[in-house]
């Protein structure tokens, strides 16, 4: 995933590198000119400020400098510089609001100093920029969009998320389409890949697994999600992020599936995962998934697949489940929902592909047509009970079965720890043209489904 995103960035980065070289030469000229005055229109009350001011990257060029102004600028003392830096540590809202107004000042230098001042104080300036971004003034709007775009790619999660939300608000918050809202839309598209790359790097550092993941469904290892997008966000038991880190999920626009498990799963995390732009499939596993948490799922736009695995939900959750925005399939496995509750769900969601199981896990992957075992899960009931690859399952508790759907439905009646009798046909001699098989009866203790990753 990282490789794909980095390749997408290569083309614009080449242009950015060329532009950066040009802007550096401009900045040197601009800085020298700014040093010519230690008292300016925007910062007249700050002695020595001009000698330390960098010029914003969105600024144009100031053409000429001279030796005398440079010498004058060198008289600024270290004490004056420190005093200036301390003065901008906690700027007042009034001063920040004045700098936003200065973005439309006829004086070029005043506008550039305003931009620099606002960029030095992103936390306090962001709410004001967010409000001011609703302007229809294209000049002010363009400067605000540029600043928000830069802040949206900062490593500080609080700043980057709020700047991103401000851009989204400006893009869709005006009553009609304006030039400023169009700029915001373009900015969001331009920074999306970079934001996703930064988010994936940060989340992986917090023990979130990002990539291909094989999910086990209904007690059998079987990929039933029917998707060509194999990239899944997997929050594991080892997730160690804070609430603020959970806001990073909304930047993962390339991921259609999410698998959440462990004690860190809560309403905040679920809400942020549901904000993932392409989310279609969701698996929720473990005791942290309770009746009340399911109400958060109403915030989903639409879910093609929902799975509740060993969740601490019961029949009180049935009314919530039947009203969720589900359009494809539902799997309820190893919960406290009764057979009567499951029947109510199936009746209310007629037309959806619904599977209900008590949670007993056999631990095999089979061919759907003849139930030939292609893989046995390590330490599963199947392995411990003696099932081998290439065995063909023919009976469960003396009931004949021929296809995968029958196997799944029969296993749905059993919980972890239940014993079942499994009959398999095993090849004992296979030298062509002869092939000999014999039935073998095995006693299997069903286990608990574990997450199976590639």
Protein backbone atom coordinates (compact mmCIF):
# COMPACT_ATOMS: atom_id res chain seq x y z
CA UNK A 1 0.00 0.00 0.00
CA UNK A 2 2.79 2.41 0.90
CA UNK A 3 4.52 1.73 -2.39
CA UNK A 4 1.39 2.58 -4.38
CA UNK A 5 0.89 5.83 -2.51
CA UNK A 6 4.54 6.85 -2.87
CA UNK A 7 4.39 6.23 -6.64
CA UNK A 8 1.33 8.46 -6.84
CA UNK A 9 3.35 11.22 -5.17
CA UNK A 10 6.37 11.03 -7.46
CA UNK A 11 5.01 13.20 -10.29
CA UNK A 12 3.88 16.13 -8.16
CA UNK A 13 7.01 15.90 -5.99
CA UNK A 14 9.21 16.53 -9.05
CA UNK A 15 7.37 19.76 -9.74
CA UNK A 16 7.44 20.67 -6.08
CA UNK A 17 11.23 20.24 -5.97
CA UNK A 18 11.67 22.64 -8.90
CA UNK A 19 9.26 25.10 -7.36
CA UNK A 20 11.04 24.87 -4.01
CA UNK A 21 14.36 25.83 -5.62
CA UNK A 22 12.75 28.88 -7.22
CA UNK A 23 11.00 29.86 -4.01
CA UNK A 24 14.23 29.57 -2.04
CA UNK A 25 15.86 32.21 -4.19
CA UNK A 26 12.77 34.38 -3.80
CA UNK A 27 12.79 33.88 -0.04
CA UNK A 28 16.40 35.06 0.24
CA UNK A 29 15.56 38.22 -1.62
CA UNK A 30 12.37 38.73 0.37
CA UNK A 31 14.08 38.19 3.73
CA UNK A 32 16.76 40.73 2.98
CA UNK A 33 14.13 43.30 2.00
CA UNK A 34 12.08 42.58 5.12
CA UNK A 35 15.20 43.19 7.21
CA UNK A 36 15.22 46.76 5.96
CA UNK A 37 12.59 47.79 8.52
CA UNK A 38 12.35 46.76 12.15
CA UNK A 39 8.98 48.41 12.54
CA UNK A 40 6.23 47.42 10.11
CA UNK A 41 2.56 48.09 9.65
CA UNK A 42 1.49 44.73 11.03
CA UNK A 43 4.04 44.41 13.84
CA UNK A 44 4.85 47.99 14.75
CA UNK A 45 4.75 47.19 18.47
CA UNK A 46 7.44 44.46 18.27
CA UNK A 47 11.01 45.82 18.23
CA UNK A 48 13.47 43.81 16.15
CA UNK A 49 10.83 41.61 14.59
CA UNK A 50 11.69 42.15 10.95
CA UNK A 51 15.12 40.54 11.15
CA UNK A 52 13.64 37.16 12.02
CA UNK A 53 10.66 36.96 9.67
CA UNK A 54 10.68 34.25 7.01
CA UNK A 55 8.56 34.89 3.93
CA UNK A 56 5.62 32.59 3.31
CA UNK A 57 5.93 30.17 0.42
CA UNK A 58 2.81 31.58 -1.20
CA UNK A 59 4.32 35.04 -1.47
CA UNK A 60 5.52 36.65 -4.68
CA UNK A 61 9.00 38.11 -5.06
CA UNK A 62 10.29 41.42 -3.79
CA UNK A 63 12.64 42.49 -6.52
CA UNK A 64 15.48 44.58 -5.11
CA UNK A 65 17.68 44.88 -2.02
CA UNK A 66 20.55 47.15 -1.12
CA UNK A 67 23.58 46.98 1.12
CA UNK A 68 22.54 49.81 3.43
CA UNK A 69 19.27 48.16 4.43
CA UNK A 70 21.10 44.93 5.19
CA UNK A 71 23.55 46.76 7.46
CA UNK A 72 20.64 48.49 9.22
CA UNK A 73 18.95 45.14 9.79
CA UNK A 74 22.09 43.71 11.42
CA UNK A 75 21.71 46.15 14.30
CA UNK A 76 18.78 44.13 15.68
CA UNK A 77 19.91 42.59 18.98
CA UNK A 78 19.48 39.06 20.29
CA UNK A 79 17.41 40.48 23.13
CA UNK A 80 15.01 42.08 20.68
CA UNK A 81 14.67 38.80 18.78
CA UNK A 82 13.90 36.85 21.96
CA UNK A 83 11.37 39.43 23.01
CA UNK A 84 9.63 39.12 19.66
CA UNK A 85 9.55 35.31 19.76
CA UNK A 86 8.09 35.37 23.27
CA UNK A 87 5.46 37.87 22.18
CA UNK A 88 4.00 35.45 19.61
CA UNK A 89 3.93 32.41 21.91
CA UNK A 90 0.39 33.09 23.10
CA UNK A 91 -1.13 35.63 20.74
CA UNK A 92 -4.49 37.14 21.58
CA UNK A 93 -7.52 36.28 19.47
CA UNK A 94 -7.88 39.97 18.63
CA UNK A 95 -4.41 40.06 17.09
CA UNK A 96 -5.06 36.87 15.14
CA UNK A 97 -8.34 38.26 13.85
CA UNK A 98 -6.51 41.41 12.79
CA UNK A 99 -3.97 39.33 10.86
CA UNK A 100 -6.81 37.58 9.01
CA UNK A 101 -8.19 41.00 8.07
CA UNK A 102 -4.71 41.99 6.93
CA UNK A 103 -4.82 39.25 4.29
CA UNK A 104 -6.77 41.74 2.16
CA UNK A 105 -4.54 44.73 2.99
CA UNK A 106 -3.25 46.62 -0.09
CA UNK A 107 0.28 46.50 1.35
CA UNK A 108 2.10 43.43 0.10
CA UNK A 109 4.40 43.31 3.13
CA UNK A 110 1.46 43.55 5.54
CA UNK A 111 -0.21 40.61 3.83
CA UNK A 112 2.96 38.50 4.00
CA UNK A 113 3.55 39.31 7.65
CA UNK A 114 -0.06 38.34 8.38
CA UNK A 115 0.42 34.98 6.67
CA UNK A 116 3.65 34.35 8.57
CA UNK A 117 2.07 35.34 11.90
CA UNK A 118 -0.91 33.00 11.39
CA UNK A 119 1.32 30.10 10.37
CA UNK A 120 3.40 30.46 13.53
CA UNK A 121 0.29 29.97 15.68
CA UNK A 122 -1.67 27.13 14.03
CA UNK A 123 -3.52 25.88 17.11
CA UNK A 124 -5.04 29.23 18.00
CA UNK A 125 -5.44 30.40 14.42
CA UNK A 126 -7.21 27.30 13.08
CA UNK A 127 -10.71 28.00 14.50
CA UNK A 128 -10.53 31.56 13.16
CA UNK A 129 -9.29 30.39 9.74
CA UNK A 130 -12.07 27.82 9.66
CA UNK A 131 -14.68 30.52 10.21
CA UNK A 132 -13.04 33.02 7.87
CA UNK A 133 -12.79 30.37 5.16
CA UNK A 134 -16.49 30.80 4.42
CA UNK A 135 -15.63 34.11 2.72
CA UNK A 136 -16.42 34.73 -0.92
CA UNK A 137 -13.34 36.96 -1.26
CA UNK A 138 -11.09 34.96 -3.56
CA UNK A 139 -7.82 36.57 -2.44
CA UNK A 140 -8.42 35.95 1.27
CA UNK A 141 -9.91 32.54 0.55
CA UNK A 142 -6.92 31.44 -1.51
CA UNK A 143 -4.49 32.33 1.28
CA UNK A 144 -6.61 30.53 3.88
CA UNK A 145 -6.87 27.41 1.70
CA UNK A 146 -3.08 27.39 1.21
CA UNK A 147 -2.46 27.65 4.97
CA UNK A 148 -5.01 24.96 5.82
CA UNK A 149 -3.54 22.61 3.20
CA UNK A 150 -0.11 22.98 4.75
CA UNK A 151 -1.44 22.42 8.27
CA UNK A 152 -3.43 19.37 7.15
CA UNK A 153 -0.15 17.58 6.42
CA UNK A 154 1.52 18.37 9.74
CA UNK A 155 2.60 15.40 11.92
CA UNK A 156 0.55 16.81 14.81
CA UNK A 157 -2.69 14.82 14.63
CA UNK A 158 -4.82 17.49 16.30
CA UNK A 159 -3.73 20.18 13.86
CA UNK A 160 -3.84 18.00 10.74
CA UNK A 161 -7.32 16.64 11.45
CA UNK A 162 -8.81 20.03 12.33
CA UNK A 163 -7.28 21.60 9.22
CA UNK A 164 -8.67 18.76 7.10
CA UNK A 165 -12.12 19.22 8.65
CA UNK A 166 -11.90 22.96 8.01
CA UNK A 167 -11.16 22.32 4.33
CA UNK A 168 -14.10 19.93 4.09
CA UNK A 169 -16.35 22.47 5.73
CA UNK A 170 -15.26 25.20 3.31
CA UNK A 171 -15.62 22.83 0.36
CA UNK A 172 -19.22 22.00 1.21
CA UNK A 173 -20.24 24.58 3.75
CA UNK A 174 -21.19 27.47 1.49
CA UNK A 175 -24.79 27.75 0.34
CA UNK A 176 -23.71 27.81 -3.29
CA UNK A 177 -20.60 26.78 -5.20
CA UNK A 178 -18.01 29.55 -5.03
CA UNK A 179 -14.47 30.00 -6.27
CA UNK A 180 -13.24 29.53 -2.70
CA UNK A 181 -15.17 26.28 -2.19
CA UNK A 182 -13.76 25.01 -5.48
CA UNK A 183 -10.26 25.80 -4.23
CA UNK A 184 -10.98 23.81 -1.06
CA UNK A 185 -12.22 20.83 -3.09
CA UNK A 186 -9.06 20.92 -5.19
CA UNK A 187 -6.88 21.17 -2.09
CA UNK A 188 -8.53 18.12 -0.50
CA UNK A 189 -7.94 16.08 -3.64
CA UNK A 190 -4.36 17.28 -3.84
CA UNK A 191 -3.37 16.32 -0.29
CA UNK A 192 -5.42 13.10 0.04
CA UNK A 193 -2.67 10.67 -0.98
CA UNK A 194 -0.09 12.33 1.24
CA UNK A 195 -2.47 12.33 4.21
CA UNK A 196 -3.24 8.64 3.73
CA UNK A 197 0.45 7.77 3.61
CA UNK A 198 1.14 9.69 6.81
CA UNK A 199 -1.88 8.06 8.50
CA UNK A 200 -0.82 4.52 7.54
CA UNK A 201 2.68 5.12 8.88
CA UNK A 202 1.35 6.48 12.18
CA UNK A 203 -1.23 3.70 12.62
CA UNK A 204 1.27 0.93 11.90
CA UNK A 205 3.43 2.36 14.67
CA UNK A 206 0.40 1.89 16.96
CA UNK A 207 0.11 -1.84 16.04
CA UNK A 208 -2.66 -1.47 13.50
CA UNK A 209 -2.25 -4.03 10.72
CA UNK A 210 -2.84 -2.63 7.23
CA UNK A 211 -2.84 -4.88 4.18
CA UNK A 212 -4.30 -8.16 3.04
CA UNK A 213 -6.08 -10.23 5.66
CA UNK A 214 -7.90 -13.55 5.39
CA UNK A 215 -11.05 -13.51 7.49
CA UNK A 216 -12.62 -16.65 8.92
CA UNK A 217 -16.38 -16.64 8.63
CA UNK A 218 -18.92 -18.96 10.18
CA UNK A 219 -16.35 -21.31 11.70
CA UNK A 220 -14.87 -22.23 8.31
CA UNK A 221 -11.93 -20.52 6.65
CA UNK A 222 -13.75 -19.14 3.64
CA UNK A 223 -13.51 -15.81 1.81
CA UNK A 224 -17.15 -14.82 1.32
CA UNK A 225 -16.82 -11.08 1.11
CA UNK A 226 -16.91 -11.10 -2.67
CA UNK A 227 -14.53 -8.18 -3.13
CA UNK A 228 -11.59 -7.39 -5.36
CA UNK A 229 -10.26 -4.94 -2.78
CA UNK A 230 -8.28 -7.12 -0.36
CA UNK A 231 -6.90 -4.31 1.78
CA UNK A 232 -8.24 -4.34 5.31
CA UNK A 233 -7.65 -2.21 8.40
CA UNK A 234 -7.13 -4.60 11.31
CA UNK A 235 -7.16 -3.16 14.83
CA UNK A 236 -5.61 -5.88 16.98
CA UNK A 237 -5.59 -6.67 20.67
CA UNK A 238 -2.24 -4.85 20.84
CA UNK A 239 -3.50 -1.46 19.66
CA UNK A 240 -1.92 1.21 21.86
CA UNK A 241 -3.25 4.46 20.42
CA UNK A 242 -4.97 7.30 22.23
CA UNK A 243 -8.38 8.74 21.39
CA UNK A 244 -6.73 11.46 19.34
CA UNK A 245 -4.87 8.85 17.27
CA UNK A 246 -8.16 7.25 16.29
CA UNK A 247 -8.90 10.29 14.15
CA UNK A 248 -6.31 9.02 11.69
CA UNK A 249 -8.66 6.29 10.43
CA UNK A 250 -10.72 8.80 8.46
CA UNK A 251 -7.73 9.48 6.18
CA UNK A 252 -7.64 5.84 4.95
CA UNK A 253 -9.59 6.36 1.75
CA UNK A 254 -8.28 3.26 -0.11
CA UNK A 255 -9.54 0.70 2.41
CA UNK A 256 -12.98 -0.85 2.01
CA UNK A 257 -12.88 -3.28 4.93
CA UNK A 258 -12.16 -3.00 8.66
CA UNK A 259 -11.73 -5.66 11.36
CA UNK A 260 -11.88 -4.31 14.92
CA UNK A 261 -11.09 -6.42 17.97
CA UNK A 262 -9.67 -5.96 21.44
CA UNK A 263 -10.35 -3.82 24.51
CA UNK A 264 -9.54 -0.54 22.72
CA UNK A 265 -12.63 -0.77 20.52
CA UNK A 266 -15.06 1.89 21.69
CA UNK A 267 -17.56 4.41 20.35
CA UNK A 268 -14.84 6.89 19.41
CA UNK A 269 -12.88 4.34 17.37
CA UNK A 270 -15.98 2.98 15.67
CA UNK A 271 -17.15 6.47 14.72
CA UNK A 272 -13.76 7.30 13.17
CA UNK A 273 -13.62 4.00 11.26
CA UNK A 274 -17.12 4.62 9.90
CA UNK A 275 -15.79 7.95 8.57
CA UNK A 276 -13.39 6.08 6.24
CA UNK A 277 -14.53 7.27 2.78
CA UNK A 278 -14.63 3.83 1.08
CA UNK A 279 -15.72 1.60 3.99
CA UNK A 280 -18.11 -1.15 2.86
CA UNK A 281 -17.37 -4.15 5.11
CA UNK A 282 -16.97 -4.27 8.88
CA UNK A 283 -16.13 -7.06 11.34
CA UNK A 284 -16.52 -6.42 15.09
CA UNK A 285 -15.10 -9.00 17.49
CA UNK A 286 -14.86 -9.44 21.24
CA UNK A 287 -16.42 -8.50 24.55
CA UNK A 288 -15.94 -4.77 23.91
CA UNK A 289 -18.75 -4.99 21.35
CA UNK A 290 -21.93 -4.51 23.41
CA UNK A 291 -25.55 -3.65 22.70
CA UNK A 292 -25.12 0.09 23.18
CA UNK A 293 -22.14 0.30 20.83
CA UNK A 294 -24.14 -1.05 17.90
CA UNK A 295 -26.17 2.17 17.84
CA UNK A 296 -23.08 3.93 16.50
CA UNK A 297 -23.43 1.90 13.30
CA UNK A 298 -26.33 4.11 12.25
CA UNK A 299 -23.66 6.66 11.27
CA UNK A 300 -22.52 4.37 8.45
CA UNK A 301 -23.62 5.46 5.00
CA UNK A 302 -24.16 1.87 3.90
CA UNK A 303 -22.58 -1.49 4.74
CA UNK A 304 -22.33 -4.34 2.29
CA UNK A 305 -21.19 -6.72 5.02
CA UNK A 306 -21.38 -6.71 8.82
CA UNK A 307 -20.07 -9.43 11.09
CA UNK A 308 -20.38 -9.72 14.87
CA UNK A 309 -17.95 -12.32 16.26
CA UNK A 310 -18.01 -13.37 19.92
CA UNK A 311 -19.57 -10.00 20.68
CA UNK A 312 -21.28 -9.41 24.04
CA UNK A 313 -24.64 -8.67 22.42
CA UNK A 314 -27.93 -10.39 23.15
CA UNK A 315 -31.57 -10.27 22.09
CA UNK A 316 -31.83 -6.64 23.23
CA UNK A 317 -29.69 -5.75 20.20
CA UNK A 318 -32.08 -7.32 17.70
CA UNK A 319 -34.18 -4.17 17.16
CA UNK A 320 -31.01 -2.18 16.50
CA UNK A 321 -29.58 -4.74 14.08
CA UNK A 322 -32.69 -4.95 11.90
CA UNK A 323 -32.68 -1.15 11.37
CA UNK A 324 -28.99 -0.83 10.42
CA UNK A 325 -28.06 0.33 6.87
CA UNK A 326 -27.19 -3.18 5.64
CA UNK A 327 -27.49 -4.04 1.95
CA UNK A 328 -25.58 -7.29 1.49
CA UNK A 329 -24.78 -9.81 4.20
CA UNK A 330 -24.81 -10.25 7.97
CA UNK A 331 -22.87 -12.78 10.04
CA UNK A 332 -23.63 -13.27 13.74
CA UNK A 333 -21.23 -15.78 15.27
CA UNK A 334 -20.70 -16.75 18.89
CA UNK A 335 -22.88 -14.04 20.43
CA UNK A 336 -25.57 -14.27 23.14
CA UNK A 337 -28.37 -13.78 20.62
CA UNK A 338 -30.78 -16.70 20.89
CA UNK A 339 -32.17 -18.79 18.04
CA UNK A 340 -35.47 -16.89 18.45
CA UNK A 341 -33.60 -13.59 18.15
CA UNK A 342 -31.81 -14.86 15.05
CA UNK A 343 -35.16 -15.86 13.53
CA UNK A 344 -36.49 -12.33 14.09
CA UNK A 345 -33.43 -10.89 12.35
CA UNK A 346 -33.80 -13.20 9.37
CA UNK A 347 -37.48 -12.37 9.04
CA UNK A 348 -36.93 -8.60 9.26
CA UNK A 349 -33.96 -8.63 6.87
CA UNK A 350 -35.47 -10.95 4.29
CA UNK A 351 -33.42 -10.74 1.12
CA UNK A 352 -30.05 -10.36 2.82
CA UNK A 353 -27.52 -13.19 3.09
CA UNK A 354 -27.67 -13.96 6.82
CA UNK A 355 -25.67 -16.51 8.78
CA UNK A 356 -26.14 -17.24 12.47
CA UNK A 357 -23.85 -19.55 14.44
CA UNK A 358 -23.26 -20.26 18.10
CA UNK A 359 -19.50 -19.91 17.70
CA UNK A 360 -18.06 -23.43 17.57
CA UNK A 361 -15.01 -23.33 15.30
CA UNK A 362 -13.93 -26.41 13.36
CA UNK A 363 -10.86 -24.93 11.65
CA UNK A 364 -10.75 -26.17 8.07
CA UNK A 365 -10.77 -24.70 4.60
CA UNK A 366 -12.66 -26.80 2.09
CA UNK A 367 -13.64 -27.02 -1.51
CA UNK A 368 -17.24 -25.74 -1.74
CA UNK A 369 -18.34 -28.56 -4.03
CA UNK A 370 -17.04 -31.79 -2.49
CA UNK A 371 -15.85 -30.66 0.99
CA UNK A 372 -12.30 -31.79 0.33
CA UNK A 373 -10.10 -30.22 3.00
CA UNK A 374 -7.42 -27.97 1.53
CA UNK A 375 -6.10 -26.51 4.79
CA UNK A 376 -6.31 -27.29 8.51
CA UNK A 377 -5.80 -24.46 11.01
CA UNK A 378 -2.97 -25.00 13.47
CA UNK A 379 -4.13 -25.92 16.99
CA UNK A 380 -7.77 -25.97 15.90
CA UNK A 381 -10.30 -28.62 16.87
CA UNK A 382 -9.92 -30.13 13.42
CA UNK A 383 -6.16 -30.55 13.74
CA UNK A 384 -6.28 -31.79 17.32
CA UNK A 385 -9.05 -34.23 16.41
CA UNK A 386 -7.16 -35.78 13.50
CA UNK A 387 -8.57 -34.19 10.31
CA UNK A 388 -5.94 -34.00 7.56
CA UNK A 389 -5.56 -32.12 4.31
CA UNK A 390 -7.20 -33.95 1.38
CA UNK A 391 -9.75 -35.62 3.68
CA UNK A 392 -13.33 -35.30 2.40
CA UNK A 393 -15.92 -34.52 5.11
CA UNK A 394 -19.04 -36.63 4.65
CA UNK A 395 -20.96 -36.57 7.96
CA UNK A 396 -21.44 -34.40 11.06
CA UNK A 397 -23.03 -36.33 13.96
CA UNK A 398 -24.17 -39.03 11.54
CA UNK A 399 -25.93 -36.47 9.34
CA UNK A 400 -24.73 -36.68 5.71
CA UNK A 401 -23.41 -33.47 4.16
CA UNK A 402 -22.22 -32.84 0.61
CA UNK A 403 -21.62 -29.13 0.13
CA UNK A 404 -20.08 -26.31 2.10
CA UNK A 405 -23.41 -24.61 2.88
CA UNK A 406 -24.64 -27.78 4.61
CA UNK A 407 -21.44 -28.06 6.66
CA UNK A 408 -21.73 -24.45 7.77
CA UNK A 409 -25.38 -24.75 8.74
CA UNK A 410 -24.76 -27.91 10.74
CA UNK A 411 -21.83 -26.36 12.64
CA UNK A 412 -23.97 -23.31 13.44
CA UNK A 413 -25.75 -25.35 16.13
CA UNK A 414 -22.64 -25.80 18.27
CA UNK A 415 -20.75 -23.57 20.67
CA UNK A 416 -17.05 -23.61 21.59
CA UNK A 417 -16.29 -26.68 23.71
CA UNK A 418 -19.06 -28.80 22.17
CA UNK A 419 -18.05 -32.21 20.82
CA UNK A 420 -19.10 -33.37 17.37
CA UNK A 421 -18.50 -36.57 15.47
CA UNK A 422 -17.01 -35.99 12.04
CA UNK A 423 -16.73 -38.69 9.38
CA UNK A 424 -14.15 -38.17 6.65
CA UNK A 425 -13.13 -40.22 3.64
CA UNK A 426 -9.37 -40.61 3.50
CA UNK A 427 -7.38 -41.91 0.55
CA UNK A 428 -5.31 -44.90 1.62
CA UNK A 429 -3.99 -45.97 -1.77
CA UNK A 430 -3.77 -43.80 -4.86
CA UNK A 431 -1.50 -45.55 -7.38
CA UNK A 432 -3.10 -45.18 -10.84
CA UNK A 433 -5.42 -46.57 -11.96
CA UNK A 434 -6.50 -47.69 -8.49
CA UNK A 435 -7.70 -45.32 -5.76
CA UNK A 436 -8.82 -46.68 -2.42
CA UNK A 437 -10.51 -44.68 0.35
CA UNK A 438 -11.92 -45.55 3.73
CA UNK A 439 -14.29 -43.74 6.10
CA UNK A 440 -12.77 -42.55 9.37
CA UNK A 441 -14.86 -41.42 12.33
CA UNK A 442 -13.30 -38.68 14.48
CA UNK A 443 -14.38 -37.00 17.71
CA UNK A 444 -13.77 -33.24 17.45
CA UNK A 445 -13.98 -30.63 20.22
CA UNK A 446 -14.90 -27.34 18.59
CA UNK A 447 -12.75 -24.33 19.48
CA UNK A 448 -12.86 -20.55 19.23
CA UNK A 449 -12.30 -18.71 15.97
CA UNK A 450 -9.02 -16.83 15.86
CA UNK A 451 -8.12 -14.14 13.37
CA UNK A 452 -6.25 -15.69 10.48
CA UNK A 453 -3.82 -13.32 8.78
CA UNK A 454 -1.86 -13.97 5.61
